[in-house]
Amino acid sequence: MAKRFSTETYVKGILSGDRVMLSRAITLVESRLASDQELAQQVIDAVLPHAGNSVRIGITGVPGVGKSTFIEAFGSYLIKEQNKKLAVLAIDPTSQRSGGSILGDKTRMEELSMNSQAYIRPSPAGKSLGGVAKNTRETIILCEAAGFDTIIVETVGVGQSETAVHAMVDFFLLLMLAGAGDELQGIKRGIMEMADAVAITKADEHNVHKANAAKAEYQNALHLYPVGASGWVPRVSTCSALQNTGLDTIWQIISDYLDLTHNNGFFDKKRRDQNLQWMYEAIRQGLEDNFYGHQQVKEQLLGIADQVKEGQKSAFAAADELLRLV
């Protein structure tokens, strides 16, 4: 069992930028023990006034797009050229099935993980996307309080995780490969609609022409969508993580977005809306945890589930019966 400290010890360590204490506080957040959860909430409440001063960037992409390679190159650029302190968080509800593949991210981002201005933290596998998302949101607060002014949240799994990440970041970047004709058919419309920018990766050597063609395809596709509440028109750019090209353009796009949304008030409104959304999600998650943790539910759930499976009881009657136990 990991050693636990007082609330004051965690808070003092986090605010002083102590990475060991930050990591221990995040481990506390990820714990399922009620006593750890209570302590974690005390720590989060105490550091909350010192959080919120970062730029939160969500990054997703199709398989094989090179997210880790891009994040290492882009993160190194932000640290060296923009003097940023960077935290990279991975959210992956699928790792439970794939055997924890996200743990490889830290080794793939070898240069970035050794940089004193960077902090990389994979999320552990959770039983639900909600649990992993909750951990990530609270980890963002802890990292901001520890002085990290740029937070990258990477989706490792595919599917609902994009929606979860979009709901916790300021800017959402979609990484795509060249050969737009095929990929454009395969990418979900919902993910395209969430994107504030699209970056065509691997635009190097013999791939530059294809990358530029893909850029035009995606720009045309994005123009078909109505302008969102932010007033921002999504942009498309190309980049090469191997040759470190186009990274400055991507940062300029993010900076332009931040300038626009700060000036028109959308940035603050989105943050406030996200805070409210986090509360409602925390309520839903708490109700679910309380339900499945209830002793009578645990005793009767499997038996009633078997009756539903065999058609002896309707799903609705079974749900009602179980809910009445709590």
C-alpha atoms as a PDB file:
ATOM      1  CA  MET A   1       0.000   0.000   0.000  1.00  0.00           C
ATOM      2  CA  ALA A   2       1.350   3.422  -0.989  1.00  0.00           C
ATOM      3  CA  LYS A   3       2.303   5.758   1.818  1.00  0.00           C
ATOM      4  CA  ARG A   4      -0.276   8.458   2.525  1.00  0.00           C
ATOM      5  CA  PHE A   5       0.555  11.967   3.662  1.00  0.00           C
ATOM      6  CA  SER A   6      -1.427  14.808   5.187  1.00  0.00           C
ATOM      7  CA  THR A   7      -3.417  17.141   2.950  1.00  0.00           C
ATOM      8  CA  GLU A   8      -0.971  19.949   3.770  1.00  0.00           C
ATOM      9  CA  THR A   9       2.033  17.829   2.729  1.00  0.00           C
ATOM     10  CA  TYR A  10       0.486  16.985  -0.645  1.00  0.00           C
ATOM     11  CA  VAL A  11      -0.563  20.595  -1.258  1.00  0.00           C
ATOM     12  CA  LYS A  12       2.783  22.083  -0.272  1.00  0.00           C
ATOM     13  CA  GLY A  13       4.629  19.589  -2.485  1.00  0.00           C
ATOM     14  CA  ILE A  14       2.385  20.176  -5.494  1.00  0.00           C
ATOM     15  CA  LEU A  15       2.513  23.974  -5.270  1.00  0.00           C
ATOM     16  CA  SER A  16       6.314  23.865  -4.986  1.00  0.00           C
ATOM     17  CA  GLY A  17       6.527  21.781  -8.177  1.00  0.00           C
ATOM     18  CA  ASP A  18       7.654  18.574  -6.430  1.00  0.00           C
ATOM     19  CA  ARG A  19       7.072  15.902  -9.102  1.00  0.00           C
ATOM     20  CA  VAL A  20       7.252  12.997  -6.689  1.00  0.00           C
ATOM     21  CA  MET A  21       4.476  14.518  -4.577  1.00  0.00           C
ATOM     22  CA  LEU A  22       2.492  15.353  -7.721  1.00  0.00           C
ATOM     23  CA  SER A  23       2.725  11.724  -8.846  1.00  0.00           C
ATOM     24  CA  ARG A  24       1.666  10.514  -5.405  1.00  0.00           C
ATOM     25  CA  ALA A  25      -1.319  12.869  -5.422  1.00  0.00           C
ATOM     26  CA  ILE A  26      -2.371  11.577  -8.863  1.00  0.00           C
ATOM     27  CA  THR A  27      -2.056   7.990  -7.585  1.00  0.00           C
ATOM     28  CA  LEU A  28      -4.340   9.035  -4.714  1.00  0.00           C
ATOM     29  CA  VAL A  29      -6.880  10.393  -7.233  1.00  0.00           C
ATOM     30  CA  GLU A  30      -6.769   7.110  -9.162  1.00  0.00           C
ATOM     31  CA  SER A  31      -7.311   4.977  -6.041  1.00  0.00           C
ATOM     32  CA  ARG A  32     -10.719   3.337  -5.555  1.00  0.00           C
ATOM     33  CA  LEU A  33     -10.410   3.331  -1.754  1.00  0.00           C
ATOM     34  CA  ALA A  34     -12.985   5.583  -0.083  1.00  0.00           C
ATOM     35  CA  SER A  35     -10.378   6.950   2.356  1.00  0.00           C
ATOM     36  CA  ASP A  36      -8.041   7.825  -0.537  1.00  0.00           C
ATOM     37  CA  GLN A  37     -10.874   9.451  -2.481  1.00  0.00           C
ATOM     38  CA  GLU A  38     -11.761  11.616   0.522  1.00  0.00           C
ATOM     39  CA  LEU A  39      -8.148  12.724   0.932  1.00  0.00           C
ATOM     40  CA  ALA A  40      -7.804  13.308  -2.823  1.00  0.00           C
ATOM     41  CA  GLN A  41     -10.822  15.635  -2.801  1.00  0.00           C
ATOM     42  CA  GLN A  42      -9.335  17.619   0.078  1.00  0.00           C
ATOM     43  CA  VAL A  43      -6.094  18.029  -1.898  1.00  0.00           C
ATOM     44  CA  ILE A  44      -7.940  19.055  -5.083  1.00  0.00           C
ATOM     45  CA  ASP A  45     -10.096  21.581  -3.209  1.00  0.00           C
ATOM     46  CA  ALA A  46      -6.978  23.085  -1.638  1.00  0.00           C
ATOM     47  CA  VAL A  47      -5.046  23.478  -4.912  1.00  0.00           C
ATOM     48  CA  LEU A  48      -8.041  24.505  -7.059  1.00  0.00           C
ATOM     49  CA  PRO A  49      -7.410  28.277  -6.636  1.00  0.00           C
ATOM     50  CA  HIS A  50      -3.939  27.695  -8.149  1.00  0.00           C
ATOM     51  CA  ALA A  51      -5.272  25.759 -11.174  1.00  0.00           C
ATOM     52  CA  GLY A  52      -6.899  26.827 -14.425  1.00  0.00           C
ATOM     53  CA  ASN A  53      -4.000  28.856 -15.804  1.00  0.00           C
ATOM     54  CA  SER A  54      -2.923  26.459 -18.520  1.00  0.00           C
ATOM     55  CA  VAL A  55      -3.797  25.853 -22.147  1.00  0.00           C
ATOM     56  CA  ARG A  56      -5.461  22.447 -22.424  1.00  0.00           C
ATOM     57  CA  ILE A  57      -4.928  20.781 -25.805  1.00  0.00           C
ATOM     58  CA  GLY A  58      -6.657  17.548 -26.798  1.00  0.00           C
ATOM     59  CA  ILE A  59      -4.984  15.402 -29.445  1.00  0.00           C
ATOM     60  CA  THR A  60      -6.506  12.451 -31.260  1.00  0.00           C
ATOM     61  CA  GLY A  61      -5.884  10.695 -34.545  1.00  0.00           C
ATOM     62  CA  VAL A  62      -6.401   7.630 -36.680  1.00  0.00           C
ATOM     63  CA  PRO A  63      -4.320   4.507 -35.886  1.00  0.00           C
ATOM     64  CA  GLY A  64      -0.816   4.738 -37.331  1.00  0.00           C
ATOM     65  CA  VAL A  65      -0.859   8.527 -37.508  1.00  0.00           C
ATOM     66  CA  GLY A  66       2.067   8.747 -35.097  1.00  0.00           C
ATOM     67  CA  LYS A  67       0.504  10.491 -32.089  1.00  0.00           C
ATOM     68  CA  SER A  68       3.361   9.713 -29.713  1.00  0.00           C
ATOM     69  CA  THR A  69       6.000  10.791 -32.252  1.00  0.00           C
ATOM     70  CA  PHE A  70       4.086  14.001 -32.919  1.00  0.00           C
ATOM     71  CA  ILE A  71       3.553  14.767 -29.226  1.00  0.00           C
ATOM     72  CA  GLU A  72       7.234  14.235 -28.473  1.00  0.00           C
ATOM     73  CA  ALA A  73       8.275  16.600 -31.308  1.00  0.00           C
ATOM     74  CA  PHE A  74       5.553  19.164 -30.602  1.00  0.00           C
ATOM     75  CA  GLY A  75       6.161  19.012 -26.853  1.00  0.00           C
ATOM     76  CA  SER A  76       9.899  19.516 -27.338  1.00  0.00           C
ATOM     77  CA  TYR A  77       9.150  22.505 -29.599  1.00  0.00           C
ATOM     78  CA  LEU A  78       6.856  24.065 -26.975  1.00  0.00           C
ATOM     79  CA  ILE A  79       9.509  23.666 -24.284  1.00  0.00           C
ATOM     80  CA  LYS A  80      12.517  24.816 -26.312  1.00  0.00           C
ATOM     81  CA  GLU A  81      10.970  27.494 -28.532  1.00  0.00           C
ATOM     82  CA  GLN A  82       8.021  28.713 -26.450  1.00  0.00           C
ATOM     83  CA  ASN A  83       9.490  28.164 -22.971  1.00  0.00           C
ATOM     84  CA  LYS A  84       6.486  26.119 -21.832  1.00  0.00           C
ATOM     85  CA  LYS A  85       6.141  23.661 -18.965  1.00  0.00           C
ATOM     86  CA  LEU A  86       4.307  20.677 -20.404  1.00  0.00           C
ATOM     87  CA  ALA A  87       2.245  17.850 -18.923  1.00  0.00           C
ATOM     88  CA  VAL A  88       1.131  15.002 -21.214  1.00  0.00           C
ATOM     89  CA  LEU A  89      -1.802  12.901 -20.033  1.00  0.00           C
ATOM     90  CA  ALA A  90      -3.172   9.856 -21.851  1.00  0.00           C
ATOM     91  CA  ILE A  91      -6.789   8.760 -21.576  1.00  0.00           C
ATOM     92  CA  ASP A  92      -7.423   5.174 -22.653  1.00  0.00           C
ATOM     93  CA  PRO A  93     -10.520   3.199 -21.647  1.00  0.00           C
ATOM     94  CA  THR A  94      -9.481   0.452 -24.095  1.00  0.00           C
ATOM     95  CA  SER A  95      -6.239  -0.431 -22.329  1.00  0.00           C
ATOM     96  CA  GLN A  96      -8.122  -2.855 -20.096  1.00  0.00           C
ATOM     97  CA  ARG A  97      -8.632  -5.058 -23.150  1.00  0.00           C
ATOM     98  CA  SER A  98      -5.329  -4.371 -24.886  1.00  0.00           C
ATOM     99  CA  GLY A  99      -3.165  -5.039 -21.858  1.00  0.00           C
ATOM    100  CA  GLY A 100      -2.138  -1.504 -20.972  1.00  0.00           C
ATOM    101  CA  SER A 101      -0.638  -0.389 -24.271  1.00  0.00           C
ATOM    102  CA  ILE A 102      -0.540   3.221 -23.098  1.00  0.00           C
ATOM    103  CA  LEU A 103       2.345   2.418 -20.805  1.00  0.00           C
ATOM    104  CA  GLY A 104       4.461   2.225 -23.954  1.00  0.00           C
ATOM    105  CA  ASP A 105       3.868   5.931 -24.590  1.00  0.00           C
ATOM    106  CA  LYS A 106       6.344   6.934 -21.928  1.00  0.00           C
ATOM    107  CA  THR A 107       9.062   4.836 -23.532  1.00  0.00           C
ATOM    108  CA  ARG A 108       8.153   6.039 -27.029  1.00  0.00           C
ATOM    109  CA  MET A 109       8.436   9.643 -25.803  1.00  0.00           C
ATOM    110  CA  GLU A 110      11.888   8.966 -24.411  1.00  0.00           C
ATOM    111  CA  GLU A 111      13.397  12.393 -25.066  1.00  0.00           C
ATOM    112  CA  LEU A 112      10.370  14.256 -23.729  1.00  0.00           C
ATOM    113  CA  SER A 113      10.067  12.089 -20.618  1.00  0.00           C
ATOM    114  CA  MET A 114      13.659  12.970 -19.663  1.00  0.00           C
ATOM    115  CA  ASN A 115      13.085  16.724 -20.076  1.00  0.00           C
ATOM    116  CA  SER A 116      12.854  18.555 -16.748  1.00  0.00           C
ATOM    117  CA  GLN A 117      10.150  20.833 -18.192  1.00  0.00           C
ATOM    118  CA  ALA A 118       7.903  17.905 -19.142  1.00  0.00           C
ATOM    119  CA  TYR A 119       5.762  15.472 -17.151  1.00  0.00           C
ATOM    120  CA  ILE A 120       4.155  12.399 -18.770  1.00  0.00           C
ATOM    121  CA  ARG A 121       1.418  10.452 -17.031  1.00  0.00           C
ATOM    122  CA  PRO A 122      -0.578   7.592 -18.616  1.00  0.00           C
ATOM    123  CA  SER A 123      -4.039   6.915 -17.175  1.00  0.00           C
ATOM    124  CA  PRO A 124      -4.559   3.382 -15.853  1.00  0.00           C
ATOM    125  CA  ALA A 125      -7.208   1.131 -17.344  1.00  0.00           C
ATOM    126  CA  GLY A 126     -10.603   1.746 -15.819  1.00  0.00           C
ATOM    127  CA  LYS A 127     -13.818  -0.228 -15.830  1.00  0.00           C
ATOM    128  CA  SER A 128     -15.545   2.684 -17.514  1.00  0.00           C
ATOM    129  CA  LEU A 129     -14.692   5.670 -19.634  1.00  0.00           C
ATOM    130  CA  GLY A 130     -16.270   7.877 -16.973  1.00  0.00           C
ATOM    131  CA  GLY A 131     -13.809   6.684 -14.338  1.00  0.00           C
ATOM    132  CA  VAL A 132     -10.762   7.288 -16.525  1.00  0.00           C
ATOM    133  CA  ALA A 133     -12.104  10.684 -17.622  1.00  0.00           C
ATOM    134  CA  LYS A 134     -12.705  11.706 -13.998  1.00  0.00           C
ATOM    135  CA  ASN A 135      -9.135  10.796 -13.098  1.00  0.00           C
ATOM    136  CA  THR A 136      -7.811  12.784 -16.055  1.00  0.00           C
ATOM    137  CA  ARG A 137      -9.835  15.897 -15.195  1.00  0.00           C
ATOM    138  CA  GLU A 138      -8.576  15.869 -11.625  1.00  0.00           C
ATOM    139  CA  THR A 139      -5.020  15.204 -12.839  1.00  0.00           C
ATOM    140  CA  ILE A 140      -5.269  18.321 -15.042  1.00  0.00           C
ATOM    141  CA  ILE A 141      -6.083  20.396 -11.945  1.00  0.00           C
ATOM    142  CA  LEU A 142      -3.137  18.925 -10.021  1.00  0.00           C
ATOM    143  CA  CYS A 143      -0.706  19.498 -12.924  1.00  0.00           C
ATOM    144  CA  GLU A 144      -1.847  23.100 -13.349  1.00  0.00           C
ATOM    145  CA  ALA A 145      -1.381  23.737  -9.632  1.00  0.00           C
ATOM    146  CA  ALA A 146       2.138  22.270  -9.952  1.00  0.00           C
ATOM    147  CA  GLY A 147       2.991  24.969 -12.505  1.00  0.00           C
ATOM    148  CA  PHE A 148       2.460  23.247 -15.850  1.00  0.00           C
ATOM    149  CA  ASP A 149       1.121  25.896 -18.231  1.00  0.00           C
ATOM    150  CA  THR A 150       0.424  23.584 -21.184  1.00  0.00           C
ATOM    151  CA  ILE A 151      -1.516  20.328 -20.816  1.00  0.00           C
ATOM    152  CA  ILE A 152      -1.786  17.842 -23.673  1.00  0.00           C
ATOM    153  CA  VAL A 153      -4.499  15.219 -23.258  1.00  0.00           C
ATOM    154  CA  GLU A 154      -4.013  12.360 -25.700  1.00  0.00           C
ATOM    155  CA  THR A 155      -6.728   9.897 -26.648  1.00  0.00           C
ATOM    156  CA  VAL A 156      -5.169   6.471 -27.041  1.00  0.00           C
ATOM    157  CA  GLY A 157      -8.357   4.513 -27.510  1.00  0.00           C
ATOM    158  CA  VAL A 158     -10.851   5.284 -30.248  1.00  0.00           C
ATOM    159  CA  GLY A 159     -14.563   5.986 -30.069  1.00  0.00           C
ATOM    160  CA  GLN A 160     -16.136   7.681 -27.071  1.00  0.00           C
ATOM    161  CA  SER A 161     -12.781   8.796 -25.665  1.00  0.00           C
ATOM    162  CA  GLU A 162     -12.644  11.640 -28.233  1.00  0.00           C
ATOM    163  CA  THR A 163     -15.887  13.066 -26.863  1.00  0.00           C
ATOM    164  CA  ALA A 164     -14.599  12.747 -23.297  1.00  0.00           C
ATOM    165  CA  VAL A 165     -11.341  14.542 -24.121  1.00  0.00           C
ATOM    166  CA  HIS A 166     -13.116  17.255 -26.132  1.00  0.00           C
ATOM    167  CA  ALA A 167     -15.169  18.018 -23.002  1.00  0.00           C
ATOM    168  CA  MET A 168     -12.058  18.722 -20.914  1.00  0.00           C
ATOM    169  CA  VAL A 169      -9.808  20.757 -23.229  1.00  0.00           C
ATOM    170  CA  ASP A 170      -9.703  24.239 -24.751  1.00  0.00           C
ATOM    171  CA  PHE A 171      -8.425  23.216 -28.194  1.00  0.00           C
ATOM    172  CA  PHE A 172      -8.964  19.919 -30.031  1.00  0.00           C
ATOM    173  CA  LEU A 173      -6.393  18.817 -32.624  1.00  0.00           C
ATOM    174  CA  LEU A 174      -7.083  15.949 -35.026  1.00  0.00           C
ATOM    175  CA  LEU A 175      -4.046  14.242 -36.587  1.00  0.00           C
ATOM    176  CA  MET A 176      -4.557  12.627 -39.979  1.00  0.00           C
ATOM    177  CA  LEU A 177      -2.466  10.856 -42.599  1.00  0.00           C
ATOM    178  CA  ALA A 178      -2.093  11.834 -46.241  1.00  0.00           C
ATOM    179  CA  GLY A 179      -4.274  10.058 -48.804  1.00  0.00           C
ATOM    180  CA  ALA A 180      -7.311  12.090 -47.839  1.00  0.00           C
ATOM    181  CA  GLY A 181      -9.691  10.431 -50.286  1.00  0.00           C
ATOM    182  CA  ASP A 182      -9.766   7.170 -48.311  1.00  0.00           C
ATOM    183  CA  GLU A 183      -9.419   8.601 -44.818  1.00  0.00           C
ATOM    184  CA  LEU A 184     -12.121  11.190 -45.385  1.00  0.00           C
ATOM    185  CA  GLN A 185     -14.604   8.379 -45.900  1.00  0.00           C
ATOM    186  CA  GLY A 186     -13.485   6.530 -42.782  1.00  0.00           C
ATOM    187  CA  ILE A 187     -13.253   9.352 -40.259  1.00  0.00           C
ATOM    188  CA  LYS A 188     -16.372   9.878 -38.200  1.00  0.00           C
ATOM    189  CA  ARG A 189     -18.261  13.045 -38.962  1.00  0.00           C
ATOM    190  CA  GLY A 190     -18.576  13.737 -35.227  1.00  0.00           C
ATOM    191  CA  ILE A 191     -14.803  13.790 -34.739  1.00  0.00           C
ATOM    192  CA  MET A 192     -14.338  16.142 -37.681  1.00  0.00           C
ATOM    193  CA  GLU A 193     -16.965  18.460 -36.205  1.00  0.00           C
ATOM    194  CA  MET A 194     -15.133  18.525 -32.875  1.00  0.00           C
ATOM    195  CA  ALA A 195     -11.763  19.437 -34.420  1.00  0.00           C
ATOM    196  CA  ASP A 196     -10.477  23.016 -34.065  1.00  0.00           C
ATOM    197  CA  ALA A 197      -7.621  22.098 -36.400  1.00  0.00           C
ATOM    198  CA  VAL A 198      -6.474  19.162 -38.494  1.00  0.00           C
ATOM    199  CA  ALA A 199      -2.766  18.394 -38.907  1.00  0.00           C
ATOM    200  CA  ILE A 200      -1.617  16.107 -41.719  1.00  0.00           C
ATOM    201  CA  THR A 201       1.344  14.219 -40.272  1.00  0.00           C
ATOM    202  CA  LYS A 202       4.388  12.613 -41.907  1.00  0.00           C
ATOM    203  CA  ALA A 203       4.669  15.412 -44.505  1.00  0.00           C
ATOM    204  CA  ASP A 204       8.292  14.564 -45.226  1.00  0.00           C
ATOM    205  CA  GLU A 205      10.510  13.244 -48.021  1.00  0.00           C
ATOM    206  CA  HIS A 206       8.334  11.897 -50.858  1.00  0.00           C
ATOM    207  CA  ASN A 207       5.098  12.457 -48.955  1.00  0.00           C
ATOM    208  CA  VAL A 208       4.946  16.272 -49.131  1.00  0.00           C
ATOM    209  CA  HIS A 209       2.833  16.397 -52.294  1.00  0.00           C
ATOM    210  CA  LYS A 210       0.298  13.884 -50.917  1.00  0.00           C
ATOM    211  CA  ALA A 211       0.171  15.781 -47.616  1.00  0.00           C
ATOM    212  CA  ASN A 212      -0.581  19.073 -49.380  1.00  0.00           C
ATOM    213  CA  ALA A 213      -3.311  17.387 -51.443  1.00  0.00           C
ATOM    214  CA  ALA A 214      -4.803  15.971 -48.239  1.00  0.00           C
ATOM    215  CA  LYS A 215      -4.649  19.428 -46.656  1.00  0.00           C
ATOM    216  CA  ALA A 216      -6.781  20.860 -49.480  1.00  0.00           C
ATOM    217  CA  GLU A 217      -9.267  17.962 -49.178  1.00  0.00           C
ATOM    218  CA  TYR A 218      -9.745  18.438 -45.451  1.00  0.00           C
ATOM    219  CA  GLN A 219      -9.957  22.225 -45.699  1.00  0.00           C
ATOM    220  CA  ASN A 220     -12.753  21.848 -48.240  1.00  0.00           C
ATOM    221  CA  ALA A 221     -14.511  19.303 -46.028  1.00  0.00           C
ATOM    222  CA  LEU A 222     -14.297  21.513 -42.931  1.00  0.00           C
ATOM    223  CA  HIS A 223     -15.786  24.462 -44.800  1.00  0.00           C
ATOM    224  CA  LEU A 224     -18.979  22.432 -45.246  1.00  0.00           C
ATOM    225  CA  TYR A 225     -19.600  22.545 -41.493  1.00  0.00           C
ATOM    226  CA  PRO A 226     -21.298  25.602 -39.978  1.00  0.00           C
ATOM    227  CA  VAL A 227     -19.148  27.929 -37.872  1.00  0.00           C
ATOM    228  CA  GLY A 228     -19.463  26.956 -34.197  1.00  0.00           C
ATOM    229  CA  ALA A 229     -20.302  29.097 -31.181  1.00  0.00           C
ATOM    230  CA  SER A 230     -16.619  30.013 -30.815  1.00  0.00           C
ATOM    231  CA  GLY A 231     -16.660  31.930 -34.102  1.00  0.00           C
ATOM    232  CA  TRP A 232     -13.555  29.986 -35.125  1.00  0.00           C
ATOM    233  CA  VAL A 233     -13.127  28.450 -38.576  1.00  0.00           C
ATOM    234  CA  PRO A 234     -11.031  25.243 -38.230  1.00  0.00           C
ATOM    235  CA  ARG A 235      -7.727  25.232 -40.098  1.00  0.00           C
ATOM    236  CA  VAL A 236      -5.651  22.492 -41.690  1.00  0.00           C
ATOM    237  CA  SER A 237      -1.853  22.317 -41.759  1.00  0.00           C
ATOM    238  CA  THR A 238       0.889  19.796 -42.528  1.00  0.00           C
ATOM    239  CA  CYS A 239       3.791  18.750 -40.358  1.00  0.00           C
ATOM    240  CA  SER A 240       6.666  16.329 -40.014  1.00  0.00           C
ATOM    241  CA  ALA A 241       7.635  15.201 -36.537  1.00  0.00           C
ATOM    242  CA  LEU A 242      10.806  13.585 -37.893  1.00  0.00           C
ATOM    243  CA  GLN A 243      11.985  16.768 -39.640  1.00  0.00           C
ATOM    244  CA  ASN A 244      10.456  19.133 -37.040  1.00  0.00           C
ATOM    245  CA  THR A 245       8.611  21.076 -39.733  1.00  0.00           C
ATOM    246  CA  GLY A 246       5.169  22.660 -39.399  1.00  0.00           C
ATOM    247  CA  LEU A 247       5.165  22.531 -35.596  1.00  0.00           C
ATOM    248  CA  ASP A 248       5.455  26.320 -35.349  1.00  0.00           C
ATOM    249  CA  THR A 249       2.455  26.690 -37.680  1.00  0.00           C
ATOM    250  CA  ILE A 250       0.346  24.418 -35.468  1.00  0.00           C
ATOM    251  CA  TRP A 251       1.257  26.452 -32.390  1.00  0.00           C
ATOM    252  CA  GLN A 252       0.398  29.651 -34.273  1.00  0.00           C
ATOM    253  CA  ILE A 253      -3.028  28.208 -35.129  1.00  0.00           C
ATOM    254  CA  ILE A 254      -3.604  27.365 -31.451  1.00  0.00           C
ATOM    255  CA  SER A 255      -2.455  30.859 -30.424  1.00  0.00           C
ATOM    256  CA  ASP A 256      -4.804  32.485 -32.963  1.00  0.00           C
ATOM    257  CA  TYR A 257      -7.681  30.397 -31.626  1.00  0.00           C
ATOM    258  CA  LEU A 258      -6.870  31.414 -28.041  1.00  0.00           C
ATOM    259  CA  ASP A 259      -6.666  35.092 -29.010  1.00  0.00           C
ATOM    260  CA  LEU A 260     -10.048  34.945 -30.740  1.00  0.00           C
ATOM    261  CA  THR A 261     -11.856  33.040 -27.994  1.00  0.00           C
ATOM    262  CA  HIS A 262     -10.354  35.109 -25.168  1.00  0.00           C
ATOM    263  CA  ASN A 263     -11.430  38.300 -26.927  1.00  0.00           C
ATOM    264  CA  ASN A 264     -15.000  37.181 -27.699  1.00  0.00           C
ATOM    265  CA  GLY A 265     -15.542  35.569 -24.272  1.00  0.00           C
ATOM    266  CA  PHE A 266     -16.003  32.034 -25.600  1.00  0.00           C
ATOM    267  CA  PHE A 267     -12.900  30.667 -23.810  1.00  0.00           C
ATOM    268  CA  ASP A 268     -14.193  31.538 -20.325  1.00  0.00           C
ATOM    269  CA  LYS A 269     -17.737  30.459 -21.173  1.00  0.00           C
ATOM    270  CA  LYS A 270     -16.491  27.058 -22.394  1.00  0.00           C
ATOM    271  CA  ARG A 271     -14.448  26.562 -19.213  1.00  0.00           C
ATOM    272  CA  ARG A 272     -17.484  27.398 -17.055  1.00  0.00           C
ATOM    273  CA  ASP A 273     -19.703  25.048 -19.061  1.00  0.00           C
ATOM    274  CA  GLN A 274     -17.088  22.294 -18.750  1.00  0.00           C
ATOM    275  CA  ASN A 275     -16.934  22.758 -14.965  1.00  0.00           C
ATOM    276  CA  LEU A 276     -20.695  22.249 -14.808  1.00  0.00           C
ATOM    277  CA  GLN A 277     -20.501  19.243 -17.119  1.00  0.00           C
ATOM    278  CA  TRP A 278     -17.786  17.727 -14.916  1.00  0.00           C
ATOM    279  CA  MET A 279     -20.074  18.094 -11.889  1.00  0.00           C
ATOM    280  CA  TYR A 280     -23.000  16.323 -13.574  1.00  0.00           C
ATOM    281  CA  GLU A 281     -20.704  13.545 -14.809  1.00  0.00           C
ATOM    282  CA  ALA A 282     -19.260  13.161 -11.302  1.00  0.00           C
ATOM    283  CA  ILE A 283     -22.811  12.823  -9.947  1.00  0.00           C
ATOM    284  CA  ARG A 284     -23.630  10.133 -12.531  1.00  0.00           C
ATOM    285  CA  GLN A 285     -20.408   8.287 -11.781  1.00  0.00           C
ATOM    286  CA  GLY A 286     -20.990   8.521  -8.040  1.00  0.00           C
ATOM    287  CA  LEU A 287     -24.533   7.180  -8.343  1.00  0.00           C
ATOM    288  CA  GLU A 288     -23.282   4.276 -10.447  1.00  0.00           C
ATOM    289  CA  ASP A 289     -20.479   3.486  -7.984  1.00  0.00           C
ATOM    290  CA  ASN A 290     -22.884   3.630  -5.030  1.00  0.00           C
ATOM    291  CA  PHE A 291     -25.372   1.387  -6.816  1.00  0.00           C
ATOM    292  CA  TYR A 292     -22.898  -1.365  -7.727  1.00  0.00           C
ATOM    293  CA  GLY A 293     -21.196  -1.060  -4.351  1.00  0.00           C
ATOM    294  CA  HIS A 294     -24.460  -1.605  -2.438  1.00  0.00           C
ATOM    295  CA  GLN A 295     -24.378  -4.912  -0.546  1.00  0.00           C
ATOM    296  CA  GLN A 296     -27.884  -6.106  -1.524  1.00  0.00           C
ATOM    297  CA  VAL A 297     -27.269  -5.208  -5.181  1.00  0.00           C
ATOM    298  CA  LYS A 298     -24.028  -7.197  -5.147  1.00  0.00           C
ATOM    299  CA  GLU A 299     -25.864 -10.178  -3.632  1.00  0.00           C
ATOM    300  CA  GLN A 300     -28.808 -10.196  -6.065  1.00  0.00           C
ATOM    301  CA  LEU A 301     -27.421  -8.722  -9.293  1.00  0.00           C
ATOM    302  CA  LEU A 302     -26.090 -11.922 -10.876  1.00  0.00           C
ATOM    303  CA  GLY A 303     -29.223 -13.927 -10.105  1.00  0.00           C
ATOM    304  CA  ILE A 304     -31.546 -11.280 -11.523  1.00  0.00           C
ATOM    305  CA  ALA A 305     -29.253 -10.813 -14.539  1.00  0.00           C
ATOM    306  CA  ASP A 306     -29.542 -14.551 -15.269  1.00  0.00           C
ATOM    307  CA  GLN A 307     -33.358 -14.288 -15.138  1.00  0.00           C
ATOM    308  CA  VAL A 308     -33.250 -11.444 -17.673  1.00  0.00           C
ATOM    309  CA  LYS A 309     -30.876 -13.377 -19.906  1.00  0.00           C
ATOM    310  CA  GLU A 310     -33.171 -16.403 -19.905  1.00  0.00           C
ATOM    311  CA  GLY A 311     -36.247 -14.273 -20.640  1.00  0.00           C
ATOM    312  CA  GLN A 312     -37.842 -15.002 -17.255  1.00  0.00           C
ATOM    313  CA  LYS A 313     -37.935 -11.333 -16.292  1.00  0.00           C
ATOM    314  CA  SER A 314     -38.031  -8.155 -18.379  1.00  0.00           C
ATOM    315  CA  ALA A 315     -34.974  -5.891 -18.342  1.00  0.00           C
ATOM    316  CA  PHE A 316     -37.129  -2.989 -17.138  1.00  0.00           C
ATOM    317  CA  ALA A 317     -38.689  -4.879 -14.242  1.00  0.00           C
ATOM    318  CA  ALA A 318     -35.243  -6.177 -13.242  1.00  0.00           C
ATOM    319  CA  ALA A 319     -33.725  -2.715 -13.292  1.00  0.00           C
ATOM    320  CA  ASP A 320     -36.602  -1.345 -11.212  1.00  0.00           C
ATOM    321  CA  GLU A 321     -36.241  -4.188  -8.697  1.00  0.00           C
ATOM    322  CA  LEU A 322     -32.512  -3.579  -8.291  1.00  0.00           C
ATOM    323  CA  LEU A 323     -32.872   0.199  -8.052  1.00  0.00           C
ATOM    324  CA  ARG A 324     -35.403  -0.203  -5.252  1.00  0.00           C
ATOM    325  CA  LEU A 325     -32.758  -2.003  -3.188  1.00  0.00           C
ATOM    326  CA  VAL A 326     -30.618   1.130  -2.865  1.00  0.00           C
END
